[in-house]
Amino acid sequence: AQPFMFLLTFLRAPIYLNSYVSIALLPRQDATISEGRVCRVSGWGYTSPSGSQIPSTLRTVKLPIISSGKCNSSESFNGSITENMLCAVSPDPFGDSGGPLVCDGRVYGVVSWGRGCADAQFPGVYTAVSKFRRWIDNTIFSYYSRCNKF
């Protein structure tokens, strides 16, 4: 089983939705995203393989999804990709560490791991959020049901 961290955050002030701030929905349980679909990933992570450059602004880039078969090939990750993962190819190192992979307005992935930066042979690997949707919902609802008992 692959590790998956879930963080419930409370904010000191409300967030107001506008042209810069919006809600990204989660996909349904076990929903798939097809190979070749272009998605967007964003983040504040390192922009160099050595980890010496951190961006001062949020960075984002569009990138295509590739099949698990290609990602699992002997020329790539050689069977290390599970059903709980997605792969996408980045055109350049841009600092996506921990960021969301958004496809069709839904968060289909969360940056997980990879080998090197922006290597077509070794694409970025993302946690497949749709495989955890039921768990996410159960965790949120069980948390709020405990809060309402006070």
N, C-alpha and C. Protein backbone atom coordinates (compact mmCIF):
# COMPACT_ATOMS: atom_id res chain seq x y z
N ALA A 1 0.84 -1.19 0.00
CA ALA A 1 0.00 0.00 0.00
C ALA A 1 0.88 1.24 0.00
N GLN A 2 0.48 2.23 -0.76
CA GLN A 2 1.23 3.48 -0.82
C GLN A 2 0.75 4.41 0.28
N PRO A 3 1.67 5.17 0.90
CA PRO A 3 1.26 6.11 1.94
C PRO A 3 0.45 7.25 1.35
N PHE A 4 -0.52 7.71 2.12
CA PHE A 4 -1.35 8.83 1.68
C PHE A 4 -1.64 9.66 2.90
N MET A 5 -1.29 10.92 2.87
CA MET A 5 -1.50 11.79 4.00
C MET A 5 -2.70 12.68 3.74
N PHE A 6 -3.54 12.83 4.74
CA PHE A 6 -4.71 13.68 4.63
C PHE A 6 -4.61 14.73 5.71
N LEU A 7 -4.78 15.97 5.36
CA LEU A 7 -4.67 17.07 6.30
C LEU A 7 -5.94 17.90 6.24
N LEU A 8 -6.59 18.02 7.38
CA LEU A 8 -7.77 18.87 7.47
C LEU A 8 -7.32 20.19 8.07
N THR A 9 -7.54 21.28 7.36
CA THR A 9 -7.04 22.58 7.77
C THR A 9 -8.19 23.51 8.12
N PHE A 10 -8.02 24.21 9.23
CA PHE A 10 -8.97 25.25 9.60
C PHE A 10 -8.32 26.60 9.37
N LEU A 11 -9.06 27.53 8.82
CA LEU A 11 -8.52 28.84 8.49
C LEU A 11 -8.99 29.88 9.51
N ARG A 12 -8.14 30.88 9.76
CA ARG A 12 -8.51 31.95 10.71
C ARG A 12 -9.55 32.89 10.13
N ALA A 13 -9.54 33.02 8.83
CA ALA A 13 -10.48 33.93 8.18
C ALA A 13 -11.10 33.20 6.99
N PRO A 14 -12.30 33.62 6.61
CA PRO A 14 -12.93 32.96 5.45
C PRO A 14 -12.19 33.27 4.15
N ILE A 15 -12.34 32.37 3.22
CA ILE A 15 -11.79 32.58 1.88
C ILE A 15 -12.93 33.02 0.98
N TYR A 16 -12.69 34.05 0.22
CA TYR A 16 -13.72 34.54 -0.70
C TYR A 16 -13.38 34.11 -2.11
N LEU A 17 -14.33 33.47 -2.77
CA LEU A 17 -14.12 33.01 -4.13
C LEU A 17 -14.18 34.20 -5.08
N ASN A 18 -13.25 34.22 -6.03
CA ASN A 18 -13.21 35.28 -7.03
C ASN A 18 -12.49 34.75 -8.27
N SER A 19 -12.03 35.61 -9.14
CA SER A 19 -11.38 35.16 -10.37
C SER A 19 -10.01 34.53 -10.11
N TYR A 20 -9.47 34.71 -8.91
CA TYR A 20 -8.17 34.13 -8.57
C TYR A 20 -8.28 32.94 -7.62
N VAL A 21 -9.39 32.82 -6.93
CA VAL A 21 -9.59 31.77 -5.94
C VAL A 21 -10.87 31.02 -6.28
N SER A 22 -10.76 29.71 -6.44
CA SER A 22 -11.95 28.91 -6.74
C SER A 22 -11.83 27.54 -6.09
N ILE A 23 -12.89 26.78 -6.16
CA ILE A 23 -12.94 25.45 -5.58
C ILE A 23 -12.59 24.43 -6.66
N ALA A 24 -11.73 23.48 -6.31
CA ALA A 24 -11.45 22.36 -7.21
C ALA A 24 -12.14 21.14 -6.62
N LEU A 25 -13.03 20.55 -7.36
CA LEU A 25 -13.79 19.40 -6.90
C LEU A 25 -12.93 18.14 -6.92
N LEU A 26 -13.38 17.12 -6.21
CA LEU A 26 -12.72 15.82 -6.25
C LEU A 26 -13.45 14.92 -7.24
N PRO A 27 -12.74 13.98 -7.87
CA PRO A 27 -13.40 13.05 -8.78
C PRO A 27 -14.20 12.02 -7.99
N ARG A 28 -15.10 11.33 -8.66
CA ARG A 28 -15.85 10.24 -8.03
C ARG A 28 -14.90 9.08 -7.73
N GLN A 29 -15.32 8.22 -6.82
CA GLN A 29 -14.54 7.03 -6.48
C GLN A 29 -14.26 6.22 -7.75
N ASP A 30 -13.00 5.89 -7.98
CA ASP A 30 -12.53 5.06 -9.10
C ASP A 30 -12.70 5.70 -10.48
N ALA A 31 -12.99 7.00 -10.55
CA ALA A 31 -13.06 7.67 -11.85
C ALA A 31 -11.67 7.64 -12.49
N THR A 32 -11.64 7.52 -13.81
CA THR A 32 -10.35 7.46 -14.51
C THR A 32 -10.18 8.69 -15.38
N ILE A 33 -8.95 8.97 -15.69
CA ILE A 33 -8.62 10.06 -16.60
C ILE A 33 -7.82 9.43 -17.74
N SER A 34 -8.21 9.72 -18.96
CA SER A 34 -7.64 9.00 -20.10
C SER A 34 -6.26 9.51 -20.50
N GLU A 35 -5.50 8.59 -21.10
CA GLU A 35 -4.17 8.93 -21.60
C GLU A 35 -4.29 10.04 -22.63
N GLY A 36 -3.37 10.99 -22.57
CA GLY A 36 -3.37 12.10 -23.51
C GLY A 36 -4.14 13.31 -23.03
N ARG A 37 -5.01 13.12 -22.03
CA ARG A 37 -5.76 14.25 -21.48
C ARG A 37 -4.76 15.25 -20.90
N VAL A 38 -4.93 16.50 -21.22
CA VAL A 38 -4.02 17.53 -20.72
C VAL A 38 -4.59 18.09 -19.42
N CYS A 39 -3.77 18.05 -18.39
CA CYS A 39 -4.17 18.52 -17.06
C CYS A 39 -3.22 19.64 -16.64
N ARG A 40 -3.49 20.21 -15.48
CA ARG A 40 -2.65 21.30 -14.98
C ARG A 40 -2.18 20.94 -13.58
N VAL A 41 -0.89 21.15 -13.33
CA VAL A 41 -0.34 20.94 -12.00
C VAL A 41 0.30 22.24 -11.55
N SER A 42 0.23 22.50 -10.26
CA SER A 42 0.80 23.73 -9.73
C SER A 42 1.51 23.44 -8.42
N GLY A 43 2.37 24.36 -8.01
CA GLY A 43 3.07 24.17 -6.75
C GLY A 43 4.11 25.23 -6.48
N TRP A 44 4.66 25.15 -5.28
CA TRP A 44 5.69 26.09 -4.81
C TRP A 44 7.03 25.38 -4.67
N GLY A 45 7.16 24.19 -5.20
CA GLY A 45 8.35 23.36 -4.97
C GLY A 45 9.58 23.83 -5.72
N TYR A 46 10.65 23.09 -5.49
CA TYR A 46 11.95 23.38 -6.11
C TYR A 46 11.85 23.37 -7.63
N THR A 47 12.62 24.24 -8.26
CA THR A 47 12.63 24.32 -9.72
C THR A 47 13.97 23.89 -10.31
N SER A 48 14.79 23.24 -9.49
CA SER A 48 16.05 22.68 -9.99
C SER A 48 16.26 21.34 -9.31
N PRO A 49 16.94 20.41 -10.00
CA PRO A 49 17.16 19.08 -9.42
C PRO A 49 17.92 19.11 -8.11
N SER A 50 18.79 20.11 -7.91
CA SER A 50 19.57 20.18 -6.68
C SER A 50 18.75 20.71 -5.50
N GLY A 51 17.58 21.27 -5.78
CA GLY A 51 16.74 21.79 -4.71
C GLY A 51 17.20 23.14 -4.20
N SER A 52 17.96 23.86 -5.01
CA SER A 52 18.50 25.14 -4.56
C SER A 52 17.64 26.34 -4.97
N GLN A 53 16.70 26.14 -5.87
CA GLN A 53 15.87 27.24 -6.34
C GLN A 53 14.42 27.02 -5.93
N ILE A 54 13.89 27.95 -5.12
CA ILE A 54 12.50 27.91 -4.70
C ILE A 54 11.81 29.12 -5.31
N PRO A 55 10.68 28.92 -6.00
CA PRO A 55 10.03 30.06 -6.64
C PRO A 55 9.38 31.00 -5.63
N SER A 56 9.26 32.27 -6.00
CA SER A 56 8.62 33.25 -5.12
C SER A 56 7.13 33.38 -5.43
N THR A 57 6.69 32.76 -6.51
CA THR A 57 5.28 32.78 -6.88
C THR A 57 4.82 31.35 -7.20
N LEU A 58 3.52 31.14 -7.08
CA LEU A 58 2.95 29.84 -7.44
C LEU A 58 3.19 29.59 -8.92
N ARG A 59 3.66 28.40 -9.24
CA ARG A 59 3.93 28.06 -10.63
C ARG A 59 2.93 27.02 -11.09
N THR A 60 2.62 27.03 -12.39
CA THR A 60 1.67 26.07 -12.94
C THR A 60 2.07 25.72 -14.36
N VAL A 61 1.71 24.52 -14.78
CA VAL A 61 2.03 24.07 -16.12
C VAL A 61 1.00 23.04 -16.57
N LYS A 62 0.76 22.97 -17.87
CA LYS A 62 -0.12 21.94 -18.43
C LYS A 62 0.73 20.76 -18.85
N LEU A 63 0.21 19.54 -18.62
CA LEU A 63 0.95 18.36 -18.99
C LEU A 63 0.00 17.20 -19.29
N PRO A 64 0.41 16.30 -20.19
CA PRO A 64 -0.45 15.18 -20.58
C PRO A 64 -0.31 13.97 -19.66
N ILE A 65 -1.44 13.29 -19.46
CA ILE A 65 -1.46 12.03 -18.73
C ILE A 65 -0.90 10.94 -19.64
N ILE A 66 -0.12 10.03 -19.08
CA ILE A 66 0.33 8.87 -19.86
C ILE A 66 -0.22 7.61 -19.19
N SER A 67 -0.29 6.55 -19.94
CA SER A 67 -0.88 5.32 -19.43
C SER A 67 0.02 4.68 -18.37
N SER A 68 -0.62 3.92 -17.48
CA SER A 68 0.14 3.17 -16.48
C SER A 68 1.04 2.15 -17.16
N GLY A 69 0.58 1.62 -18.29
CA GLY A 69 1.40 0.67 -19.04
C GLY A 69 2.72 1.27 -19.49
N LYS A 70 2.66 2.46 -20.06
CA LYS A 70 3.91 3.15 -20.47
C LYS A 70 4.76 3.49 -19.26
N CYS A 71 4.12 3.98 -18.22
CA CYS A 71 4.84 4.37 -17.02
C CYS A 71 5.48 3.16 -16.33
N ASN A 72 4.86 2.00 -16.48
CA ASN A 72 5.34 0.77 -15.85
C ASN A 72 6.28 -0.03 -16.75
N SER A 73 6.56 0.46 -17.94
CA SER A 73 7.39 -0.30 -18.88
C SER A 73 8.81 -0.49 -18.34
N SER A 74 9.52 -1.42 -18.94
CA SER A 74 10.89 -1.69 -18.49
C SER A 74 11.82 -0.52 -18.77
N GLU A 75 11.43 0.38 -19.70
CA GLU A 75 12.24 1.56 -19.98
C GLU A 75 11.96 2.69 -18.99
N SER A 76 10.93 2.52 -18.16
CA SER A 76 10.56 3.56 -17.22
C SER A 76 10.61 3.01 -15.79
N PHE A 77 9.47 2.93 -15.10
CA PHE A 77 9.46 2.54 -13.70
C PHE A 77 9.37 1.04 -13.48
N ASN A 78 9.31 0.27 -14.54
CA ASN A 78 9.47 -1.18 -14.49
C ASN A 78 8.58 -1.87 -13.44
N GLY A 79 7.28 -1.57 -13.47
CA GLY A 79 6.34 -2.26 -12.60
C GLY A 79 6.09 -1.63 -11.25
N SER A 80 6.68 -0.46 -10.97
CA SER A 80 6.51 0.17 -9.65
C SER A 80 5.22 0.97 -9.52
N ILE A 81 4.53 1.19 -10.63
CA ILE A 81 3.32 2.01 -10.60
C ILE A 81 2.12 1.12 -10.26
N THR A 82 1.39 1.49 -9.20
CA THR A 82 0.23 0.72 -8.76
C THR A 82 -1.05 1.36 -9.27
N GLU A 83 -2.18 0.72 -8.99
CA GLU A 83 -3.47 1.26 -9.42
C GLU A 83 -3.82 2.54 -8.66
N ASN A 84 -3.10 2.85 -7.60
CA ASN A 84 -3.34 4.06 -6.82
C ASN A 84 -2.50 5.25 -7.29
N MET A 85 -1.91 5.11 -8.47
CA MET A 85 -1.02 6.15 -9.00
C MET A 85 -1.42 6.55 -10.42
N LEU A 86 -1.05 7.78 -10.78
CA LEU A 86 -1.19 8.31 -12.15
C LEU A 86 0.17 8.81 -12.58
N CYS A 87 0.41 8.85 -13.88
CA CYS A 87 1.66 9.39 -14.41
C CYS A 87 1.37 10.50 -15.42
N ALA A 88 2.19 11.53 -15.40
CA ALA A 88 2.08 12.63 -16.36
C ALA A 88 3.47 13.15 -16.67
N VAL A 89 3.65 13.62 -17.91
CA VAL A 89 4.96 14.07 -18.36
C VAL A 89 5.05 15.59 -18.31
N SER A 90 6.03 16.10 -17.60
CA SER A 90 6.25 17.54 -17.49
C SER A 90 7.23 18.01 -18.55
N PRO A 91 6.97 19.17 -19.18
CA PRO A 91 7.88 19.68 -20.19
C PRO A 91 9.17 20.25 -19.61
N ASP A 92 9.15 20.69 -18.35
CA ASP A 92 10.35 21.24 -17.73
C ASP A 92 10.18 21.22 -16.21
N PRO A 93 11.30 21.39 -15.49
CA PRO A 93 11.18 21.44 -14.03
C PRO A 93 10.51 22.75 -13.63
N PHE A 94 9.44 22.67 -12.86
CA PHE A 94 8.72 23.91 -12.55
C PHE A 94 8.30 24.01 -11.10
N GLY A 95 8.58 23.06 -10.26
CA GLY A 95 8.28 23.20 -8.85
C GLY A 95 6.88 22.79 -8.48
N ASP A 96 6.53 21.52 -8.70
CA ASP A 96 5.18 21.04 -8.43
C ASP A 96 5.05 20.30 -7.11
N SER A 97 6.10 20.26 -6.32
CA SER A 97 6.11 19.43 -5.11
C SER A 97 4.86 19.60 -4.26
N GLY A 98 4.15 18.48 -4.04
CA GLY A 98 2.96 18.49 -3.21
C GLY A 98 1.73 19.09 -3.85
N GLY A 99 1.83 19.52 -5.09
CA GLY A 99 0.73 20.23 -5.72
C GLY A 99 -0.36 19.34 -6.29
N PRO A 100 -1.50 19.96 -6.61
CA PRO A 100 -2.62 19.21 -7.19
C PRO A 100 -2.48 19.05 -8.70
N LEU A 101 -2.94 17.92 -9.21
CA LEU A 101 -3.05 17.68 -10.65
C LEU A 101 -4.53 17.82 -10.98
N VAL A 102 -4.89 18.90 -11.66
CA VAL A 102 -6.29 19.21 -11.92
C VAL A 102 -6.62 18.93 -13.38
N CYS A 103 -7.63 18.09 -13.57
CA CYS A 103 -8.10 17.72 -14.90
C CYS A 103 -9.61 17.98 -14.94
N ASP A 104 -10.05 18.72 -15.93
CA ASP A 104 -11.48 19.02 -16.06
C ASP A 104 -12.07 19.61 -14.78
N GLY A 105 -11.29 20.45 -14.09
CA GLY A 105 -11.78 21.11 -12.89
C GLY A 105 -11.81 20.25 -11.64
N ARG A 106 -11.26 19.03 -11.71
CA ARG A 106 -11.25 18.13 -10.55
C ARG A 106 -9.82 17.73 -10.21
N VAL A 107 -9.56 17.53 -8.92
CA VAL A 107 -8.23 17.15 -8.45
C VAL A 107 -8.09 15.64 -8.60
N TYR A 108 -7.53 15.21 -9.72
CA TYR A 108 -7.34 13.78 -9.98
C TYR A 108 -6.07 13.24 -9.35
N GLY A 109 -5.12 14.11 -9.06
CA GLY A 109 -3.87 13.63 -8.49
C GLY A 109 -3.23 14.63 -7.56
N VAL A 110 -2.30 14.12 -6.75
CA VAL A 110 -1.45 14.95 -5.89
C VAL A 110 -0.02 14.50 -6.16
N VAL A 111 0.87 15.46 -6.41
CA VAL A 111 2.26 15.13 -6.70
C VAL A 111 2.79 14.21 -5.61
N SER A 112 3.38 13.08 -6.03
CA SER A 112 3.85 12.10 -5.07
C SER A 112 5.37 11.89 -5.17
N TRP A 113 5.83 11.39 -6.31
CA TRP A 113 7.26 11.09 -6.44
C TRP A 113 7.65 11.00 -7.91
N GLY A 114 8.90 10.80 -8.17
CA GLY A 114 9.42 10.67 -9.52
C GLY A 114 10.91 10.40 -9.46
N ARG A 115 11.53 10.48 -10.61
CA ARG A 115 12.99 10.30 -10.69
C ARG A 115 13.53 11.45 -11.52
N GLY A 116 14.32 12.30 -10.90
CA GLY A 116 14.85 13.46 -11.60
C GLY A 116 13.77 14.51 -11.81
N CYS A 117 14.04 15.43 -12.72
CA CYS A 117 13.10 16.52 -13.01
C CYS A 117 12.82 16.55 -14.51
N ALA A 118 11.56 16.53 -14.85
CA ALA A 118 11.12 16.71 -16.24
C ALA A 118 11.83 15.76 -17.20
N ASP A 119 11.83 14.49 -16.87
CA ASP A 119 12.45 13.48 -17.72
C ASP A 119 11.34 12.68 -18.39
N ALA A 120 11.26 12.73 -19.71
CA ALA A 120 10.20 12.03 -20.44
C ALA A 120 10.24 10.52 -20.18
N GLN A 121 11.42 9.98 -19.92
CA GLN A 121 11.53 8.54 -19.65
C GLN A 121 10.95 8.19 -18.28
N PHE A 122 11.06 9.12 -17.35
CA PHE A 122 10.55 8.91 -15.99
C PHE A 122 9.58 10.04 -15.65
N PRO A 123 8.31 9.86 -15.98
CA PRO A 123 7.31 10.90 -15.75
C PRO A 123 7.07 11.14 -14.25
N GLY A 124 6.37 12.23 -13.95
CA GLY A 124 5.97 12.48 -12.58
C GLY A 124 4.89 11.49 -12.17
N VAL A 125 4.94 11.06 -10.90
CA VAL A 125 3.97 10.10 -10.38
C VAL A 125 3.10 10.82 -9.36
N TYR A 126 1.80 10.60 -9.48
CA TYR A 126 0.81 11.29 -8.66
C TYR A 126 -0.06 10.28 -7.92
N THR A 127 -0.47 10.60 -6.70
CA THR A 127 -1.47 9.80 -6.00
C THR A 127 -2.78 9.95 -6.75
N ALA A 128 -3.43 8.86 -7.07
CA ALA A 128 -4.71 8.88 -7.78
C ALA A 128 -5.83 9.16 -6.77
N VAL A 129 -6.27 10.40 -6.69
CA VAL A 129 -7.26 10.82 -5.70
C VAL A 129 -8.55 10.02 -5.79
N SER A 130 -8.95 9.63 -7.00
CA SER A 130 -10.21 8.90 -7.15
C SER A 130 -10.19 7.55 -6.43
N LYS A 131 -9.02 7.00 -6.20
CA LYS A 131 -8.92 5.73 -5.49
C LYS A 131 -9.13 5.91 -3.99
N PHE A 132 -9.08 7.15 -3.51
CA PHE A 132 -9.20 7.45 -2.09
C PHE A 132 -10.43 8.29 -1.77
N ARG A 133 -11.29 8.53 -2.76
CA ARG A 133 -12.44 9.42 -2.55
C ARG A 133 -13.35 8.92 -1.44
N ARG A 134 -13.65 7.66 -1.40
CA ARG A 134 -14.53 7.11 -0.36
C ARG A 134 -13.89 7.32 1.01
N TRP A 135 -12.59 7.06 1.11
CA TRP A 135 -11.87 7.24 2.38
C TRP A 135 -11.86 8.71 2.78
N ILE A 136 -11.63 9.61 1.84
CA ILE A 136 -11.64 11.05 2.13
C ILE A 136 -13.00 11.46 2.69
N ASP A 137 -14.07 11.08 2.00
CA ASP A 137 -15.42 11.42 2.46
C ASP A 137 -15.69 10.85 3.85
N ASN A 138 -15.36 9.58 4.07
CA ASN A 138 -15.60 8.96 5.38
C ASN A 138 -14.81 9.66 6.48
N THR A 139 -13.57 10.05 6.18
CA THR A 139 -12.74 10.73 7.16
C THR A 139 -13.31 12.10 7.51
N ILE A 140 -13.72 12.86 6.51
CA ILE A 140 -14.29 14.18 6.76
C ILE A 140 -15.60 14.07 7.53
N PHE A 141 -16.49 13.19 7.08
CA PHE A 141 -17.79 13.08 7.73
C PHE A 141 -17.67 12.54 9.15
N SER A 142 -16.75 11.61 9.41
CA SER A 142 -16.59 11.10 10.76
C SER A 142 -16.00 12.17 11.67
N TYR A 143 -15.13 13.02 11.14
CA TYR A 143 -14.57 14.12 11.93
C TYR A 143 -15.68 15.09 12.33
N TYR A 144 -16.50 15.50 11.37
CA TYR A 144 -17.55 16.45 11.67
C TYR A 144 -18.65 15.85 12.55
N SER A 145 -18.90 14.57 12.45
CA SER A 145 -19.91 13.95 13.31
C SER A 145 -19.43 13.95 14.76
N ARG A 146 -18.13 13.81 15.00
CA ARG A 146 -17.58 13.90 16.37
C ARG A 146 -17.71 15.32 16.89
N CYS A 147 -17.48 16.31 16.04
CA CYS A 147 -17.54 17.71 16.45
C CYS A 147 -18.96 18.10 16.84
N ASN A 148 -19.95 17.56 16.17
CA ASN A 148 -21.34 17.92 16.43
C ASN A 148 -21.89 17.32 17.71
N LYS A 149 -21.15 16.41 18.36
CA LYS A 149 -21.65 15.75 19.56
C LYS A 149 -21.40 16.58 20.82
N PHE A 150 -20.71 17.71 20.70
CA PHE A 150 -20.41 18.54 21.88
C PHE A 150 -21.62 19.37 22.28
